[in-house]
Protein backbone atom coordinates (compact mmCIF):
# COMPACT_ATOMS: atom_id res chain seq x y z
CA MET A 1 0.00 0.00 0.00
CA ILE A 2 2.92 2.35 0.65
CA ASP A 3 3.70 2.13 -3.05
CA LEU A 4 0.73 4.39 -3.71
CA ILE A 5 3.12 7.20 -2.74
CA PRO A 6 6.09 7.79 -5.06
CA ARG A 7 9.18 6.03 -3.72
CA SER A 8 11.91 8.11 -2.14
CA ARG A 9 14.34 7.72 0.71
CA LEU A 10 12.43 10.38 2.66
CA ARG A 11 9.13 8.51 2.18
CA ASP A 12 10.69 5.29 3.45
CA VAL A 13 12.30 6.95 6.50
CA LEU A 14 9.05 8.71 7.40
CA ALA A 15 7.02 5.52 6.93
CA VAL A 16 9.36 3.38 9.03
CA SER A 17 9.57 6.03 11.75
CA SER A 18 5.81 6.59 11.77
CA PHE A 19 5.01 2.91 12.24
CA ALA A 20 7.69 2.57 14.93
CA LEU A 21 5.99 5.46 16.76
CA LEU A 22 2.54 3.96 16.13
CA THR A 23 3.71 0.70 17.74
CA ALA A 24 5.19 2.65 20.67
CA GLY A 25 1.89 4.49 21.11
CA ALA A 26 -0.10 1.27 20.88
CA ALA A 27 2.16 -0.23 23.57
CA GLN A 28 0.86 2.39 25.99
CA ILE A 29 -2.62 0.89 25.68
CA SER A 30 -1.73 -1.72 28.26
CA ILE A 31 -3.75 -3.89 30.63
CA PRO A 32 -1.68 -5.99 33.05
CA LEU A 33 -3.17 -9.40 33.82
CA GLY A 34 -1.36 -10.10 37.09
CA PHE A 35 -0.68 -13.79 36.53
CA THR A 36 1.63 -13.21 33.55
CA PRO A 37 4.37 -10.69 32.71
CA VAL A 38 2.70 -10.22 29.31
CA PRO A 39 0.10 -7.42 29.30
CA ILE A 40 -2.71 -6.93 26.82
CA THR A 41 -1.59 -4.13 24.50
CA GLY A 42 -2.41 -2.58 21.15
CA GLN A 43 1.03 -3.40 19.74
CA THR A 44 0.01 -6.41 17.67
CA PHE A 45 -2.53 -4.28 15.79
CA ALA A 46 0.22 -1.79 14.90
CA VAL A 47 2.51 -4.64 13.82
CA LEU A 48 -0.14 -6.09 11.49
CA LEU A 49 -0.80 -2.68 9.98
CA ALA A 50 2.92 -2.03 9.55
CA GLY A 51 3.30 -5.16 7.45
CA GLY A 52 0.08 -4.61 5.52
CA VAL A 53 0.74 -0.97 4.73
CA LEU A 54 4.52 -0.87 4.35
CA GLY A 55 5.23 -4.28 2.85
CA SER A 56 7.77 -6.82 3.99
CA LYS A 57 11.05 -4.89 4.15
CA LEU A 58 9.77 -1.55 5.43
CA GLY A 59 7.28 -3.23 7.77
CA ALA A 60 10.04 -5.32 9.35
CA ALA A 61 12.32 -2.27 9.44
CA SER A 62 9.68 -0.27 11.32
CA GLN A 63 9.42 -2.95 13.98
CA MET A 64 13.18 -3.36 14.21
CA PHE A 65 13.47 0.41 14.69
CA TYR A 66 10.79 0.24 17.39
CA VAL A 67 12.65 -2.54 19.24
CA ILE A 68 15.99 -0.72 18.97
CA LEU A 69 14.58 2.59 20.22
CA GLY A 70 13.00 0.85 23.20
CA ALA A 71 16.18 -1.11 23.91
CA LEU A 72 18.12 2.17 23.93
CA GLY A 73 15.95 3.33 26.80
CA LEU A 74 13.13 5.30 25.21
CA PRO A 75 9.82 4.60 26.99
CA PHE A 76 8.40 2.76 23.97
CA TYR A 77 7.48 -0.60 25.46
CA ALA A 78 4.31 -1.45 27.39
CA ASP A 79 3.58 0.93 30.26
CA GLY A 80 6.34 3.33 29.19
CA ALA A 81 9.11 0.84 29.87
CA GLY A 82 12.37 0.82 27.96
CA GLY A 83 15.98 -0.27 28.21
CA TRP A 84 18.08 -3.31 27.52
CA ASP A 85 16.74 -5.27 30.51
CA VAL A 86 13.20 -4.96 29.19
CA ALA A 87 14.25 -5.65 25.59
CA THR A 88 15.85 -8.92 26.69
CA GLY A 89 13.35 -9.72 29.44
CA SER A 90 10.46 -12.15 29.47
CA THR A 91 8.64 -10.43 26.60
CA ALA A 92 11.67 -10.23 24.26
CA GLY A 93 10.31 -13.06 22.12
CA TYR A 94 7.25 -11.01 21.29
CA LEU A 95 9.44 -8.06 20.29
CA PHE A 96 11.45 -10.26 17.93
CA GLY A 97 8.20 -11.79 16.69
CA PHE A 98 6.95 -8.30 15.77
CA ILE A 99 9.78 -7.99 13.23
CA VAL A 100 9.16 -11.41 11.69
CA ALA A 101 5.37 -10.97 11.68
CA ALA A 102 5.55 -7.56 9.98
CA PHE A 103 7.80 -9.10 7.33
CA LEU A 104 5.45 -12.05 6.75
CA VAL A 105 2.29 -9.93 6.67
CA GLY A 106 4.07 -7.48 4.35
CA LEU A 107 5.10 -10.30 2.04
CA MET A 108 1.52 -11.53 1.88
CA ALA A 109 0.28 -7.98 1.26
CA GLU A 110 2.77 -7.61 -1.61
CA LYS A 111 1.09 -10.65 -3.16
CA GLY A 112 -2.30 -8.89 -2.94
CA GLN A 113 -3.63 -10.55 0.21
CA ASP A 114 -4.49 -7.18 1.75
CA ARG A 115 -7.16 -6.39 -0.86
CA ASN A 116 -10.19 -8.07 0.72
CA LEU A 117 -11.28 -9.53 4.05
CA VAL A 118 -11.21 -13.14 2.88
CA THR A 119 -7.51 -12.99 1.94
CA SER A 120 -6.30 -10.40 4.45
CA LEU A 121 -7.67 -12.13 7.54
CA PRO A 122 -5.48 -15.24 7.09
CA ALA A 123 -2.44 -12.99 6.56
CA PHE A 124 -3.10 -11.11 9.79
CA ILE A 125 -3.84 -14.30 11.75
CA ALA A 126 -0.57 -15.79 10.42
CA GLY A 127 1.22 -12.69 11.71
CA SER A 128 -0.37 -13.15 15.13
CA ILE A 129 0.67 -16.80 15.21
CA ILE A 130 4.26 -15.77 14.47
CA ILE A 131 4.18 -13.32 17.38
CA TYR A 132 2.70 -15.97 19.70
CA THR A 133 5.27 -18.56 18.68
CA PHE A 134 8.34 -16.43 19.30
CA GLY A 135 6.80 -14.87 22.39
CA ALA A 136 5.77 -18.12 24.06
CA LEU A 137 9.03 -19.90 23.25
CA TRP A 138 11.06 -17.12 24.86
CA LEU A 139 8.61 -16.86 27.77
CA ALA A 140 9.04 -20.59 28.48
CA TYR A 141 12.80 -20.14 28.48
CA LYS A 142 12.87 -17.00 30.66
CA LEU A 143 10.33 -18.26 33.21
CA ASP A 144 11.67 -21.82 33.11
CA ILE A 145 8.23 -23.27 32.51
CA PRO A 146 7.03 -25.79 29.91
CA PHE A 147 5.80 -24.52 26.57
CA THR A 148 2.51 -26.39 27.05
CA ALA A 149 1.01 -28.23 30.01
CA GLY A 150 -2.31 -29.38 31.40
CA ALA A 151 -5.21 -26.97 31.66
CA THR A 152 -4.52 -26.02 35.28
CA GLU A 153 -0.73 -26.01 35.09
CA ALA A 154 1.62 -23.11 34.37
CA SER A 155 2.91 -22.99 30.80
CA ALA A 156 4.07 -20.45 28.26
CA VAL A 157 0.93 -21.02 26.22
CA ALA A 158 -1.29 -20.43 29.28
CA TYR A 159 0.62 -17.25 30.19
CA GLY A 160 1.48 -15.88 26.78
CA VAL A 161 -1.05 -17.09 24.22
CA THR A 162 -4.42 -18.19 25.59
CA PRO A 163 -5.38 -14.90 27.32
CA PHE A 164 -4.76 -12.96 24.10
CA ILE A 165 -6.46 -15.06 21.42
CA VAL A 166 -9.86 -13.34 21.43
CA GLY A 167 -8.36 -9.84 21.42
CA ASP A 168 -5.91 -10.69 18.67
CA ILE A 169 -8.64 -12.20 16.51
CA LEU A 170 -10.52 -8.91 16.90
CA LYS A 171 -7.36 -6.93 16.00
CA ALA A 172 -6.79 -9.13 12.95
CA ALA A 173 -10.42 -8.66 11.89
CA LEU A 174 -10.17 -4.89 12.33
CA ALA A 175 -6.99 -4.78 10.25
CA GLY A 176 -8.66 -7.14 7.77
CA VAL A 177 -11.51 -4.68 7.32
CA LEU A 178 -9.41 -1.52 7.44
CA LEU A 179 -6.84 -2.25 4.73
CA PRO A 180 -9.27 -3.58 2.11
CA GLY A 181 -11.47 -0.58 2.92
CA VAL A 182 -8.60 1.77 2.06
CA TRP A 183 -8.02 -0.10 -1.21
CA ARG A 184 -11.72 0.22 -2.08
CA LEU A 185 -11.70 3.92 -1.21
CA ARG A 186 -8.67 4.46 -3.42
CA SER A 187 -10.30 2.54 -6.27
CA ASP A 188 -13.54 4.53 -5.90
CA THR A 189 -11.60 7.81 -5.84
CA ASN A 190 -9.61 6.88 -8.95
CA ASN A 191 -12.77 5.89 -10.84
CA ARG A 192 -14.63 9.15 -10.13
CA GLN A 193 -15.00 11.74 -12.82
CA TRP A 194 -14.38 15.19 -11.35
C-alpha cells in the first residue's frame, strides 16, 4: 500500500519512523493481567498494519526500529518501559516476533492478500501466530516453565497465548476490514469523474 506514494528515501524513512511510533503508542494501551508478565496491549494491531501498509522490508524495518529505540531506553514498550533489561526480558520473544510478523504480513500484502477480508484475515492471523510462537518460546525459556502443560498447570501457552487469542482475533479482523477498505476507497476515488 505504501507504493501508492512515489518512492523516495524520505518517504521510506518517514514511513518506518511513523510505524515505529505507532507501535510505541499502541504499547501504551496496556492492561496488566497479574498472573503473567505479558500485558494486553495494542502493539500487535500496529505490527499487522505495519506489514500490511509498508510491505515486507519496510514493515520489518519499522518494527526493528521500534525494538531498537525501546532497547536504547526510550519509553516505547508497554507501560512506558524501555531499556536493555526490558528488551531482553520475558517479553523479548514477542518483540522479535513483531519484526518477523511484519515481514510475513508485508510479504503476503505484496502478493495482494491485503485487498479483501477473505484474503487479508489469514495474513493477519498468520502474523499473530508468528508473534505468539516467538513470544511463548522465549517466555518458556525465561520463566523456566514448559511450553505447554495441562489446563490447570503453568505454561508459556497459558501465560502468553491463551489470554490474548480473542483480542488478537478482533485486532486481525479490524486490520482485515481496514486495509481492504482503504483499497476500495482508493479505487472509488480513482474511478470518479471530477
